[in-house]
Amino acid sequence: MGRIDQANSEAVTRMIDSDPVWVDVRPAIEVVPGMDKYKIFHAGLPDLWESICKLQSYTLTEVHAKKN
């Protein structure tokens, strides 16, 4: 087994053997620099509203409508 495989195996073992606990939970707007109530952050690449898929834009529009 190579060094990278060994390191990955060790990392996975440590995660599985860990006992995680919540330290603090706060709204993202309080802790994410540059975030405001008009920004939507997601795991993908930065994108323009015009180029996101229809399902994603529909979902975001519906969520916004239900909050207001």
N, C-alpha and C. Protein backbone atom coordinates (compact mmCIF):
# COMPACT_ATOMS: atom_id res chain seq x y z
N MET A 1 0.85 -1.18 0.00
CA MET A 1 0.00 0.00 0.00
C MET A 1 0.89 1.24 0.00
N GLY A 2 0.57 2.20 -0.89
CA GLY A 2 1.36 3.42 -1.00
C GLY A 2 1.09 4.38 0.14
N ARG A 3 1.92 5.41 0.22
CA ARG A 3 1.79 6.39 1.30
C ARG A 3 0.44 7.11 1.29
N ILE A 4 -0.04 7.44 0.10
CA ILE A 4 -1.32 8.15 0.01
C ILE A 4 -2.45 7.24 0.47
N ASP A 5 -2.44 5.99 0.02
CA ASP A 5 -3.46 5.03 0.45
C ASP A 5 -3.41 4.81 1.97
N GLN A 6 -2.20 4.75 2.52
CA GLN A 6 -2.05 4.58 3.98
C GLN A 6 -2.62 5.79 4.71
N ALA A 7 -2.29 6.97 4.21
CA ALA A 7 -2.79 8.20 4.85
C ALA A 7 -4.31 8.28 4.76
N ASN A 8 -4.87 7.94 3.60
CA ASN A 8 -6.32 7.95 3.45
C ASN A 8 -6.97 6.93 4.37
N SER A 9 -6.38 5.76 4.47
CA SER A 9 -6.91 4.72 5.36
C SER A 9 -6.90 5.18 6.81
N GLU A 10 -5.82 5.81 7.21
CA GLU A 10 -5.70 6.33 8.58
C GLU A 10 -6.73 7.43 8.83
N ALA A 11 -6.92 8.30 7.85
CA ALA A 11 -7.90 9.38 8.00
C ALA A 11 -9.31 8.82 8.16
N VAL A 12 -9.67 7.84 7.34
CA VAL A 12 -11.00 7.24 7.43
C VAL A 12 -11.17 6.54 8.77
N THR A 13 -10.15 5.83 9.21
CA THR A 13 -10.21 5.14 10.50
C THR A 13 -10.43 6.13 11.63
N ARG A 14 -9.72 7.25 11.61
CA ARG A 14 -9.89 8.26 12.65
C ARG A 14 -11.29 8.87 12.64
N MET A 15 -11.85 9.08 11.43
CA MET A 15 -13.21 9.64 11.36
C MET A 15 -14.23 8.64 11.90
N ILE A 16 -14.07 7.38 11.54
CA ILE A 16 -15.01 6.35 12.00
C ILE A 16 -14.91 6.15 13.50
N ASP A 17 -13.71 6.20 14.03
CA ASP A 17 -13.50 5.98 15.47
C ASP A 17 -13.78 7.22 16.32
N SER A 18 -14.04 8.34 15.70
CA SER A 18 -14.23 9.57 16.47
C SER A 18 -15.60 9.61 17.12
N ASP A 19 -15.74 10.55 18.03
CA ASP A 19 -17.01 10.77 18.72
C ASP A 19 -17.32 12.27 18.61
N PRO A 20 -17.80 12.70 17.42
CA PRO A 20 -18.00 14.13 17.20
C PRO A 20 -19.10 14.71 18.09
N VAL A 21 -18.92 15.96 18.47
CA VAL A 21 -19.92 16.68 19.26
C VAL A 21 -20.07 18.08 18.68
N TRP A 22 -21.29 18.63 18.79
CA TRP A 22 -21.52 20.00 18.36
C TRP A 22 -20.82 20.95 19.33
N VAL A 23 -20.11 21.91 18.81
CA VAL A 23 -19.47 22.92 19.62
C VAL A 23 -20.31 24.20 19.60
N ASP A 24 -20.80 24.53 18.41
CA ASP A 24 -21.59 25.75 18.28
C ASP A 24 -22.34 25.68 16.95
N VAL A 25 -23.53 26.20 16.93
CA VAL A 25 -24.32 26.30 15.70
C VAL A 25 -24.86 27.71 15.62
N ARG A 26 -24.55 28.38 14.52
CA ARG A 26 -25.02 29.75 14.33
C ARG A 26 -25.48 29.91 12.89
N PRO A 27 -26.36 30.84 12.63
CA PRO A 27 -26.79 31.09 11.26
C PRO A 27 -25.59 31.49 10.39
N ALA A 28 -25.57 31.00 9.17
CA ALA A 28 -24.45 31.29 8.27
C ALA A 28 -24.22 32.78 8.10
N ILE A 29 -25.28 33.56 8.06
CA ILE A 29 -25.14 35.00 7.85
C ILE A 29 -24.30 35.66 8.95
N GLU A 30 -24.23 35.03 10.11
CA GLU A 30 -23.42 35.56 11.22
C GLU A 30 -21.94 35.20 11.10
N VAL A 31 -21.61 34.18 10.35
CA VAL A 31 -20.23 33.70 10.36
C VAL A 31 -19.56 33.60 8.98
N VAL A 32 -20.33 33.70 7.89
CA VAL A 32 -19.75 33.60 6.55
C VAL A 32 -19.49 35.01 6.02
N PRO A 33 -18.21 35.34 5.82
CA PRO A 33 -17.89 36.68 5.32
C PRO A 33 -18.57 36.96 3.98
N GLY A 34 -19.15 38.13 3.86
CA GLY A 34 -19.77 38.55 2.60
C GLY A 34 -21.18 38.05 2.39
N MET A 35 -21.69 37.25 3.29
CA MET A 35 -23.05 36.74 3.12
C MET A 35 -24.07 37.79 3.56
N ASP A 36 -25.14 37.88 2.79
CA ASP A 36 -26.26 38.71 3.20
C ASP A 36 -27.55 37.98 2.84
N LYS A 37 -28.69 38.55 3.17
CA LYS A 37 -29.94 37.83 3.00
C LYS A 37 -30.34 37.66 1.54
N TYR A 38 -29.61 38.27 0.63
CA TYR A 38 -29.92 38.15 -0.79
C TYR A 38 -28.99 37.19 -1.53
N LYS A 39 -28.04 36.58 -0.85
CA LYS A 39 -27.10 35.66 -1.48
C LYS A 39 -27.49 34.21 -1.21
N ILE A 40 -27.25 33.38 -2.20
CA ILE A 40 -27.50 31.95 -2.06
C ILE A 40 -26.16 31.26 -2.26
N PHE A 41 -25.69 30.56 -1.24
CA PHE A 41 -24.45 29.81 -1.36
C PHE A 41 -24.79 28.34 -1.57
N HIS A 42 -24.02 27.68 -2.41
CA HIS A 42 -24.22 26.25 -2.64
C HIS A 42 -22.86 25.62 -2.90
N ALA A 43 -22.84 24.30 -2.98
CA ALA A 43 -21.58 23.58 -3.10
C ALA A 43 -20.97 23.64 -4.49
N GLY A 44 -21.72 24.10 -5.46
CA GLY A 44 -21.23 24.15 -6.83
C GLY A 44 -20.39 25.39 -7.11
N LEU A 45 -20.07 25.55 -8.38
CA LEU A 45 -19.30 26.71 -8.82
C LEU A 45 -20.17 27.96 -8.80
N PRO A 46 -19.54 29.14 -8.69
CA PRO A 46 -20.33 30.37 -8.77
C PRO A 46 -21.06 30.40 -10.12
N ASP A 47 -22.30 30.82 -10.13
CA ASP A 47 -23.08 30.78 -11.35
C ASP A 47 -24.04 31.96 -11.40
N LEU A 48 -24.41 32.35 -12.60
CA LEU A 48 -25.40 33.41 -12.78
C LEU A 48 -26.79 32.79 -12.74
N TRP A 49 -27.75 33.55 -12.24
CA TRP A 49 -29.13 33.06 -12.15
C TRP A 49 -29.61 32.55 -13.51
N GLU A 50 -29.25 33.24 -14.58
CA GLU A 50 -29.72 32.87 -15.92
C GLU A 50 -29.20 31.52 -16.39
N SER A 51 -28.11 31.03 -15.79
CA SER A 51 -27.52 29.79 -16.30
C SER A 51 -27.73 28.58 -15.38
N ILE A 52 -28.43 28.75 -14.26
CA ILE A 52 -28.69 27.57 -13.41
C ILE A 52 -29.84 26.77 -14.00
N CYS A 53 -29.91 25.51 -13.66
CA CYS A 53 -30.94 24.64 -14.25
C CYS A 53 -32.33 25.05 -13.76
N LYS A 54 -33.33 24.71 -14.55
CA LYS A 54 -34.71 25.11 -14.24
C LYS A 54 -35.19 24.55 -12.91
N LEU A 55 -34.84 23.30 -12.60
CA LEU A 55 -35.27 22.71 -11.34
C LEU A 55 -34.71 23.50 -10.15
N GLN A 56 -33.43 23.86 -10.23
CA GLN A 56 -32.82 24.62 -9.13
C GLN A 56 -33.46 26.01 -9.01
N SER A 57 -33.67 26.69 -10.12
CA SER A 57 -34.27 28.03 -10.04
C SER A 57 -35.71 27.95 -9.53
N TYR A 58 -36.46 26.94 -9.96
CA TYR A 58 -37.83 26.77 -9.47
C TYR A 58 -37.84 26.54 -7.96
N THR A 59 -36.96 25.64 -7.50
CA THR A 59 -36.90 25.32 -6.07
C THR A 59 -36.55 26.56 -5.25
N LEU A 60 -35.55 27.30 -5.67
CA LEU A 60 -35.16 28.50 -4.94
C LEU A 60 -36.26 29.55 -4.94
N THR A 61 -36.98 29.69 -6.05
CA THR A 61 -38.07 30.64 -6.14
C THR A 61 -39.20 30.25 -5.19
N GLU A 62 -39.52 28.96 -5.15
CA GLU A 62 -40.58 28.48 -4.26
C GLU A 62 -40.21 28.66 -2.79
N VAL A 63 -38.98 28.35 -2.44
CA VAL A 63 -38.54 28.53 -1.05
C VAL A 63 -38.63 29.99 -0.67
N HIS A 64 -38.19 30.87 -1.55
CA HIS A 64 -38.26 32.30 -1.26
C HIS A 64 -39.71 32.76 -1.10
N ALA A 65 -40.59 32.28 -1.97
CA ALA A 65 -42.00 32.68 -1.91
C ALA A 65 -42.64 32.23 -0.60
N LYS A 66 -42.27 31.06 -0.10
CA LYS A 66 -42.87 30.55 1.14
C LYS A 66 -42.36 31.29 2.36
N LYS A 67 -41.17 31.87 2.28
CA LYS A 67 -40.61 32.61 3.42
C LYS A 67 -41.20 34.01 3.50
N ASN A 68 -41.72 34.50 2.42
CA ASN A 68 -42.23 35.89 2.40
C ASN A 68 -43.72 35.94 2.45
